[in-house]
N, C-alpha and C. Protein backbone atom coordinates (compact mmCIF):
# COMPACT_ATOMS: atom_id res chain seq x y z
N MET A 1 0.89 -1.15 -0.14
CA MET A 1 -0.03 0.00 0.13
C MET A 1 0.88 1.31 -0.04
N PRO A 2 0.41 2.45 -0.94
CA PRO A 2 1.47 3.45 -0.86
C PRO A 2 1.27 4.34 0.30
N LEU A 3 2.28 5.07 0.57
CA LEU A 3 2.43 5.94 1.82
C LEU A 3 2.02 7.22 1.50
N VAL A 4 1.96 7.56 -0.03
CA VAL A 4 1.69 8.83 -0.47
C VAL A 4 0.95 8.71 -1.79
N THR A 5 -0.02 9.60 -1.81
CA THR A 5 -0.77 9.53 -3.27
C THR A 5 -0.10 10.86 -3.94
N ARG A 6 -0.52 10.64 -5.06
CA ARG A 6 -0.15 11.68 -6.19
C ARG A 6 -1.06 11.82 -7.04
N ASN A 7 -0.94 13.22 -7.97
CA ASN A 7 -1.65 13.44 -8.70
C ASN A 7 -3.30 13.99 -8.54
N HIS A 8 -3.23 14.37 -7.45
CA HIS A 8 -4.80 14.87 -7.05
C HIS A 8 -4.91 16.16 -7.81
N PRO A 9 -6.42 16.37 -8.30
CA PRO A 9 -6.58 17.50 -9.07
C PRO A 9 -6.68 18.71 -7.85
N LYS A 10 -6.61 19.69 -8.03
CA LYS A 10 -6.92 20.78 -6.89
C LYS A 10 -7.66 22.11 -7.63
N LEU A 11 -8.33 22.51 -6.82
CA LEU A 11 -9.13 23.64 -7.32
C LEU A 11 -8.19 25.05 -7.14
N THR A 12 -7.97 25.85 -8.11
CA THR A 12 -7.13 26.94 -8.03
C THR A 12 -7.72 28.08 -7.83
N LEU A 13 -7.35 29.26 -7.51
CA LEU A 13 -7.98 30.56 -7.27
C LEU A 13 -8.75 30.95 -8.53
N GLU A 14 -8.05 30.75 -9.68
CA GLU A 14 -8.41 30.92 -11.18
C GLU A 14 -9.75 29.92 -11.03
N GLY A 15 -9.63 28.93 -10.92
CA GLY A 15 -10.78 27.81 -11.12
C GLY A 15 -12.06 28.41 -10.25
N ALA A 16 -11.86 28.83 -8.94
CA ALA A 16 -12.78 29.29 -8.09
C ALA A 16 -13.52 30.47 -8.66
N ARG A 17 -12.50 31.30 -9.39
CA ARG A 17 -13.27 32.62 -9.72
C ARG A 17 -13.99 32.08 -11.29
N ALA A 18 -13.71 31.24 -11.83
CA ALA A 18 -14.62 30.59 -12.86
C ALA A 18 -16.06 30.03 -12.48
N VAL A 19 -15.86 29.53 -11.25
CA VAL A 19 -17.03 29.05 -10.78
C VAL A 19 -17.73 29.86 -10.56
N LEU A 20 -17.20 30.77 -9.65
CA LEU A 20 -17.97 32.14 -9.08
C LEU A 20 -18.70 33.09 -10.23
N ALA A 21 -18.19 33.28 -11.18
CA ALA A 21 -18.24 33.98 -12.29
C ALA A 21 -19.70 33.69 -13.13
N ALA A 22 -19.55 32.23 -13.22
CA ALA A 22 -20.71 31.32 -13.97
C ALA A 22 -21.85 31.42 -12.87
N ALA A 23 -21.70 31.24 -11.59
CA ALA A 23 -22.76 31.33 -10.78
C ALA A 23 -23.43 32.91 -10.95
N GLU A 24 -22.67 33.51 -10.77
CA GLU A 24 -22.87 34.92 -10.64
C GLU A 24 -23.83 35.52 -11.99
N ARG A 25 -23.33 34.99 -13.25
CA ARG A 25 -24.10 35.14 -14.68
C ARG A 25 -25.58 34.48 -14.49
N ARG A 26 -25.71 33.36 -13.96
CA ARG A 26 -26.82 32.53 -13.79
C ARG A 26 -27.77 33.50 -12.82
N ALA A 27 -27.29 33.95 -11.84
CA ALA A 27 -27.93 34.64 -10.80
C ALA A 27 -28.58 35.86 -11.53
N GLU A 28 -27.80 36.45 -12.35
CA GLU A 28 -28.32 37.62 -13.14
C GLU A 28 -29.40 37.28 -14.11
N GLU A 29 -29.31 36.20 -14.60
CA GLU A 29 -30.14 35.77 -15.59
C GLU A 29 -31.63 35.45 -15.02
N ILE A 30 -31.57 34.88 -13.85
CA ILE A 30 -32.85 34.78 -13.06
C ILE A 30 -33.21 35.87 -12.43
N CYS A 31 -32.62 37.02 -12.11
CA CYS A 31 -32.80 38.37 -11.69
C CYS A 31 -32.73 38.12 -10.12
N VAL A 32 -31.93 37.38 -9.47
CA VAL A 32 -32.13 37.27 -7.95
C VAL A 32 -30.69 37.29 -7.44
N PRO A 33 -30.34 38.12 -6.85
CA PRO A 33 -29.16 38.52 -6.45
C PRO A 33 -28.58 37.58 -5.21
N MET A 34 -27.65 37.01 -5.30
CA MET A 34 -26.88 35.93 -4.58
C MET A 34 -25.66 36.22 -3.66
N ASN A 35 -25.64 35.51 -2.62
CA ASN A 35 -24.32 35.39 -1.88
C ASN A 35 -23.82 33.90 -2.35
N ILE A 36 -22.52 33.98 -2.86
CA ILE A 36 -21.84 32.93 -3.63
C ILE A 36 -20.69 32.60 -2.65
N ALA A 37 -20.42 31.41 -2.32
CA ALA A 37 -19.19 31.05 -1.67
C ALA A 37 -18.42 29.98 -2.36
N VAL A 38 -17.30 29.89 -2.71
CA VAL A 38 -16.73 28.59 -3.19
C VAL A 38 -15.49 28.53 -2.44
N VAL A 39 -15.36 27.05 -2.06
CA VAL A 39 -14.29 26.46 -1.13
C VAL A 39 -13.58 25.41 -1.80
N ASP A 40 -12.28 25.13 -1.35
CA ASP A 40 -11.44 24.16 -1.93
C ASP A 40 -12.07 22.44 -1.20
N GLU A 41 -11.24 21.77 -1.31
CA GLU A 41 -11.81 20.24 -0.92
C GLU A 41 -11.92 20.30 0.52
N GLY A 42 -10.92 20.97 1.13
CA GLY A 42 -11.10 20.93 2.67
C GLY A 42 -11.90 21.93 3.42
N ALA A 43 -12.65 22.54 2.47
CA ALA A 43 -13.84 23.39 2.99
C ALA A 43 -13.28 25.05 3.23
N HIS A 44 -12.15 25.29 2.74
CA HIS A 44 -11.35 26.74 3.08
C HIS A 44 -11.81 27.37 2.01
N LEU A 45 -12.10 28.80 2.51
CA LEU A 45 -12.94 29.71 1.31
C LEU A 45 -11.75 30.11 0.34
N LEU A 46 -12.16 30.10 -0.99
CA LEU A 46 -11.42 30.52 -1.98
C LEU A 46 -11.79 31.86 -2.52
N ALA A 47 -13.26 32.20 -2.80
CA ALA A 47 -13.87 33.28 -3.43
C ALA A 47 -15.26 33.38 -2.97
N PHE A 48 -15.46 34.70 -2.73
CA PHE A 48 -16.99 34.99 -2.29
C PHE A 48 -17.37 36.16 -2.88
N ALA A 49 -18.57 36.12 -3.32
CA ALA A 49 -19.20 37.30 -3.90
C ALA A 49 -20.66 37.55 -3.25
N ARG A 50 -20.98 38.91 -2.77
CA ARG A 50 -22.25 39.17 -2.56
C ARG A 50 -22.58 40.16 -3.61
N MET A 51 -23.66 39.50 -4.21
CA MET A 51 -24.08 40.60 -5.16
C MET A 51 -24.73 41.68 -4.70
N ASP A 52 -24.92 42.71 -5.52
CA ASP A 52 -25.69 43.78 -5.11
C ASP A 52 -27.14 43.55 -4.84
N GLY A 53 -27.86 43.86 -3.66
CA GLY A 53 -29.09 43.64 -3.40
C GLY A 53 -29.13 42.18 -2.95
N ALA A 54 -28.30 41.51 -2.52
CA ALA A 54 -28.27 39.96 -1.98
C ALA A 54 -28.49 40.21 -0.50
N LYS A 55 -29.21 39.41 0.33
CA LYS A 55 -29.59 39.58 1.44
C LYS A 55 -28.44 39.32 2.47
N PRO A 56 -27.97 40.21 3.29
CA PRO A 56 -26.74 40.04 4.19
C PRO A 56 -26.92 38.74 4.97
N ALA A 57 -28.18 38.58 5.40
CA ALA A 57 -28.51 37.48 6.39
C ALA A 57 -28.08 35.88 5.72
N SER A 58 -27.84 35.93 4.34
CA SER A 58 -27.45 34.76 3.70
C SER A 58 -26.15 34.43 3.28
N VAL A 59 -25.35 35.63 3.85
CA VAL A 59 -23.64 35.39 3.61
C VAL A 59 -23.38 33.90 4.43
N GLU A 60 -23.60 34.15 5.50
CA GLU A 60 -23.17 32.77 6.22
C GLU A 60 -23.41 31.66 5.65
N ILE A 61 -24.92 31.47 5.23
CA ILE A 61 -25.70 30.49 4.77
C ILE A 61 -24.87 29.82 3.54
N SER A 62 -24.64 30.86 2.93
CA SER A 62 -24.11 30.17 1.42
C SER A 62 -22.42 29.82 1.54
N LEU A 63 -21.88 30.29 2.78
CA LEU A 63 -20.60 29.66 3.15
C LEU A 63 -20.79 28.12 4.05
N VAL A 64 -21.70 28.02 4.74
CA VAL A 64 -22.02 26.78 5.49
C VAL A 64 -22.61 25.66 4.43
N LYS A 65 -23.34 26.00 3.22
CA LYS A 65 -23.73 25.14 2.24
C LYS A 65 -22.41 24.79 1.43
N ALA A 66 -21.42 25.57 1.02
CA ALA A 66 -20.31 25.35 0.54
C ALA A 66 -19.57 24.43 1.16
N GLN A 67 -19.04 24.74 2.55
CA GLN A 67 -18.42 23.77 3.64
C GLN A 67 -18.97 22.58 3.52
N ALA A 68 -20.17 22.32 3.87
CA ALA A 68 -20.87 21.12 4.02
C ALA A 68 -20.88 20.35 2.68
N ALA A 69 -20.98 20.87 1.67
CA ALA A 69 -20.80 20.06 0.34
C ALA A 69 -19.35 19.40 0.25
N ALA A 70 -18.32 20.21 0.49
CA ALA A 70 -16.96 19.70 0.42
C ALA A 70 -16.77 18.91 1.58
N MET A 71 -17.12 19.08 2.57
CA MET A 71 -16.78 18.07 3.79
C MET A 71 -17.42 16.76 3.47
N ARG A 72 -18.62 16.62 3.01
CA ARG A 72 -19.57 15.57 3.03
C ARG A 72 -19.32 15.00 1.62
N ARG A 73 -18.87 15.64 0.75
CA ARG A 73 -18.56 15.16 -0.59
C ARG A 73 -20.15 14.65 -1.34
N ALA A 74 -20.95 15.59 -0.99
CA ALA A 74 -22.09 15.55 -1.50
C ALA A 74 -23.03 16.72 -1.58
N GLN A 75 -24.07 16.99 -2.31
CA GLN A 75 -24.95 17.92 -2.20
C GLN A 75 -25.59 18.10 -0.80
N THR A 76 -25.63 19.61 -0.62
CA THR A 76 -26.70 19.70 0.69
C THR A 76 -27.96 19.48 0.41
N GLY A 77 -28.83 19.14 1.49
CA GLY A 77 -30.20 19.42 1.39
C GLY A 77 -30.54 18.00 2.32
N ALA A 78 -31.92 17.91 2.66
CA ALA A 78 -32.50 17.06 3.44
C ALA A 78 -32.06 15.50 3.34
N ALA A 79 -31.80 14.95 4.20
CA ALA A 79 -31.28 13.47 4.09
C ALA A 79 -32.52 12.62 3.32
N MET A 80 -32.31 11.76 2.52
CA MET A 80 -33.22 11.15 1.66
C MET A 80 -33.38 9.58 2.20
N SER A 81 -34.57 9.34 2.16
CA SER A 81 -34.86 7.75 2.46
C SER A 81 -35.80 7.24 1.47
N GLY A 82 -35.10 6.51 0.45
CA GLY A 82 -35.88 6.35 -0.66
C GLY A 82 -36.35 7.46 -1.49
N ASP A 83 -37.70 7.76 -1.48
CA ASP A 83 -37.94 9.04 -2.36
C ASP A 83 -38.85 9.90 -1.30
N GLN A 84 -38.60 9.57 0.09
CA GLN A 84 -39.03 10.68 1.06
C GLN A 84 -37.80 11.47 1.75
N VAL A 85 -38.21 12.77 1.99
CA VAL A 85 -37.13 13.48 2.87
C VAL A 85 -37.29 12.94 4.35
N ASN A 86 -36.40 12.47 4.75
CA ASN A 86 -36.39 12.41 6.34
C ASN A 86 -35.65 13.51 6.97
N LEU A 87 -36.81 14.44 7.54
CA LEU A 87 -36.45 15.75 7.96
C LEU A 87 -35.86 15.55 9.29
N PRO A 88 -36.44 14.70 10.20
CA PRO A 88 -35.83 14.59 11.69
C PRO A 88 -34.28 13.96 11.31
N VAL A 89 -33.99 13.34 10.65
CA VAL A 89 -32.37 12.75 10.31
C VAL A 89 -31.63 14.02 9.78
N ALA A 90 -32.24 14.64 8.98
CA ALA A 90 -31.62 16.00 8.28
C ALA A 90 -31.35 17.14 9.31
N LEU A 91 -32.21 17.31 10.12
CA LEU A 91 -32.18 18.29 11.00
C LEU A 91 -31.27 17.79 12.31
N GLY A 92 -31.20 16.68 12.49
CA GLY A 92 -30.28 16.11 13.49
C GLY A 92 -28.88 16.23 13.30
N LEU A 93 -28.52 15.82 11.86
CA LEU A 93 -27.30 15.94 11.16
C LEU A 93 -26.82 17.21 11.16
N ALA A 94 -27.73 18.23 11.02
CA ALA A 94 -27.24 19.72 11.03
C ALA A 94 -27.09 20.24 12.37
N VAL A 95 -27.76 19.90 13.47
CA VAL A 95 -27.42 20.15 14.71
C VAL A 95 -26.11 19.51 15.24
N ALA A 96 -26.00 18.29 14.93
CA ALA A 96 -24.83 17.56 15.38
C ALA A 96 -23.54 17.94 14.63
N ALA A 97 -23.53 18.35 13.56
CA ALA A 97 -22.36 18.71 12.82
C ALA A 97 -22.69 19.95 11.94
N SER A 98 -22.92 21.19 12.42
CA SER A 98 -23.56 22.19 11.58
C SER A 98 -22.51 22.79 10.62
N SER A 99 -21.44 22.28 10.44
CA SER A 99 -20.44 22.89 9.57
C SER A 99 -20.22 21.59 8.34
N HIS A 100 -20.93 20.45 8.74
CA HIS A 100 -20.82 19.39 7.86
C HIS A 100 -22.14 19.05 7.00
N GLN A 101 -23.18 19.69 7.53
CA GLN A 101 -24.48 19.25 7.24
C GLN A 101 -25.55 20.46 7.16
N THR A 102 -26.34 20.55 6.28
CA THR A 102 -27.56 21.39 6.35
C THR A 102 -28.74 21.05 5.74
N PRO A 103 -29.75 21.12 6.31
CA PRO A 103 -31.02 20.54 5.37
C PRO A 103 -31.52 21.42 4.30
N ILE A 104 -30.67 22.48 4.04
CA ILE A 104 -31.11 23.31 2.69
C ILE A 104 -30.07 23.04 1.75
N ARG A 105 -31.03 22.97 0.21
CA ARG A 105 -30.43 22.88 -0.81
C ARG A 105 -29.68 24.03 -1.28
N GLY A 106 -28.48 23.92 -2.00
CA GLY A 106 -27.82 24.99 -2.37
C GLY A 106 -26.29 24.84 -2.40
N GLY A 107 -25.73 23.91 -1.92
CA GLY A 107 -24.38 23.57 -1.78
C GLY A 107 -23.97 22.35 -2.54
N ILE A 108 -22.94 22.42 -3.43
CA ILE A 108 -22.79 21.39 -4.58
C ILE A 108 -21.35 21.20 -4.73
N PRO A 109 -20.80 20.06 -4.78
CA PRO A 109 -19.48 19.72 -4.74
C PRO A 109 -19.07 20.01 -6.23
N VAL A 110 -17.86 20.26 -6.29
CA VAL A 110 -17.15 20.26 -7.89
C VAL A 110 -16.27 19.12 -8.12
N ILE A 111 -16.68 18.48 -8.87
CA ILE A 111 -16.11 17.19 -9.27
C ILE A 111 -15.08 16.89 -10.47
N VAL A 112 -13.91 16.66 -10.59
CA VAL A 112 -13.12 16.50 -11.63
C VAL A 112 -12.35 15.42 -11.39
N ASP A 113 -12.44 14.42 -12.62
CA ASP A 113 -11.87 13.32 -12.32
C ASP A 113 -12.15 12.29 -11.38
N GLY A 114 -13.52 12.47 -11.19
CA GLY A 114 -13.95 11.78 -9.97
C GLY A 114 -13.76 12.07 -8.64
N GLN A 115 -13.01 13.30 -8.40
CA GLN A 115 -12.66 13.63 -7.03
C GLN A 115 -13.25 14.90 -6.75
N VAL A 116 -13.63 14.90 -5.47
CA VAL A 116 -14.23 16.38 -5.21
C VAL A 116 -12.91 17.09 -4.89
N ILE A 117 -13.09 18.39 -5.78
CA ILE A 117 -11.57 19.53 -5.56
C ILE A 117 -12.37 20.52 -4.83
N GLY A 118 -13.53 20.88 -4.61
CA GLY A 118 -14.17 22.02 -3.83
C GLY A 118 -15.54 21.80 -3.81
N ALA A 119 -16.11 23.09 -3.87
CA ALA A 119 -17.97 23.09 -3.57
C ALA A 119 -18.10 24.67 -3.70
N ILE A 120 -19.27 24.63 -4.19
CA ILE A 120 -19.83 26.03 -4.33
C ILE A 120 -21.35 26.16 -3.16
N GLY A 121 -21.38 27.28 -2.67
CA GLY A 121 -22.61 27.36 -1.80
C GLY A 121 -23.19 28.55 -2.26
N VAL A 122 -24.66 28.59 -2.47
CA VAL A 122 -25.54 29.76 -2.99
C VAL A 122 -26.53 30.21 -1.89
N SER A 123 -26.97 31.33 -1.52
CA SER A 123 -27.93 31.41 -0.78
C SER A 123 -28.57 33.02 -1.13
N ALA A 124 -29.72 33.14 -0.82
CA ALA A 124 -30.37 34.36 -1.05
C ALA A 124 -31.75 34.05 -1.87
N GLY A 125 -31.91 33.04 -2.65
CA GLY A 125 -33.23 32.78 -3.28
C GLY A 125 -34.02 31.76 -2.60
N THR A 126 -34.79 31.17 -3.26
CA THR A 126 -35.30 29.90 -2.83
C THR A 126 -34.43 28.90 -3.07
N GLU A 127 -34.90 27.84 -2.39
CA GLU A 127 -33.90 26.67 -2.70
C GLU A 127 -33.76 26.12 -3.85
N ASP A 128 -34.70 26.23 -4.70
CA ASP A 128 -34.80 25.87 -6.10
C ASP A 128 -33.67 26.71 -6.85
N GLN A 129 -33.79 28.11 -6.58
CA GLN A 129 -32.94 29.14 -7.41
C GLN A 129 -31.43 28.92 -6.91
N ASP A 130 -31.32 28.54 -5.35
CA ASP A 130 -30.00 28.79 -4.92
C ASP A 130 -29.24 27.43 -5.55
N TYR A 131 -30.15 26.23 -5.60
CA TYR A 131 -29.70 25.02 -6.19
C TYR A 131 -29.32 25.13 -7.93
N ASP A 132 -30.01 25.81 -8.43
CA ASP A 132 -29.82 26.09 -9.92
C ASP A 132 -28.58 27.00 -10.26
N VAL A 133 -28.52 27.93 -9.38
CA VAL A 133 -27.32 28.77 -9.69
C VAL A 133 -25.87 28.09 -9.13
N ALA A 134 -25.91 27.39 -7.81
CA ALA A 134 -24.77 26.43 -7.45
C ALA A 134 -24.28 25.53 -8.77
N ARG A 135 -25.44 24.71 -9.17
CA ARG A 135 -25.35 23.65 -10.15
C ARG A 135 -24.51 24.31 -11.42
N THR A 136 -25.11 25.53 -11.94
CA THR A 136 -24.37 26.27 -12.95
C THR A 136 -22.84 26.27 -12.79
N GLY A 137 -22.89 27.27 -11.39
CA GLY A 137 -21.23 27.43 -11.14
C GLY A 137 -20.40 25.96 -11.10
N ALA A 138 -20.99 24.93 -10.56
CA ALA A 138 -20.07 23.91 -10.22
C ALA A 138 -19.83 23.37 -11.83
N ALA A 139 -20.64 23.39 -12.65
CA ALA A 139 -20.58 22.76 -14.17
C ALA A 139 -19.51 23.57 -14.81
N ALA A 140 -18.96 24.83 -14.30
CA ALA A 140 -18.09 25.78 -15.17
C ALA A 140 -16.76 24.91 -15.16
N ILE A 141 -16.62 24.27 -14.31
CA ILE A 141 -15.23 23.52 -14.52
C ILE A 141 -15.21 21.81 -14.07
N GLY A 142 -16.14 21.53 -13.50
CA GLY A 142 -16.33 20.28 -13.07
C GLY A 142 -17.68 19.55 -13.34
N LYS A 143 -17.79 18.63 -12.68
CA LYS A 143 -19.19 17.90 -12.84
C LYS A 143 -19.89 17.97 -11.48
N PRO A 144 -21.30 18.78 -11.56
CA PRO A 144 -21.66 18.86 -10.27
C PRO A 144 -22.61 17.87 -9.61
């Protein structure tokens, strides 16, 4: 078994800016000013924008969504059980590990070569709008 792994893709600042720019363009298209956070695979902030008119109260929420998506290597949102949302489980996870889970959609990992290299979190619209903008941002350089 190797002691060191090599050749892991990394999200650069320029890549984070590309994700952010794509998300901003989508938010402008749907006419909803957003707070947009882009983090690396370890959930550390790389880029952030609070668009003119975005709700200041959503700044922290966008960051938590991005961090949760990066740390859990999965989209944010309510835990699913089959086709049903398991709200008690989702809320329990959010309370137990607030920086690792949120029952609110809008956090999406950025995946390149099958590896999570970062994530984007978006907040200030409806959950559907946040998800749409985040997905567009993630798709700018990776697989959402």
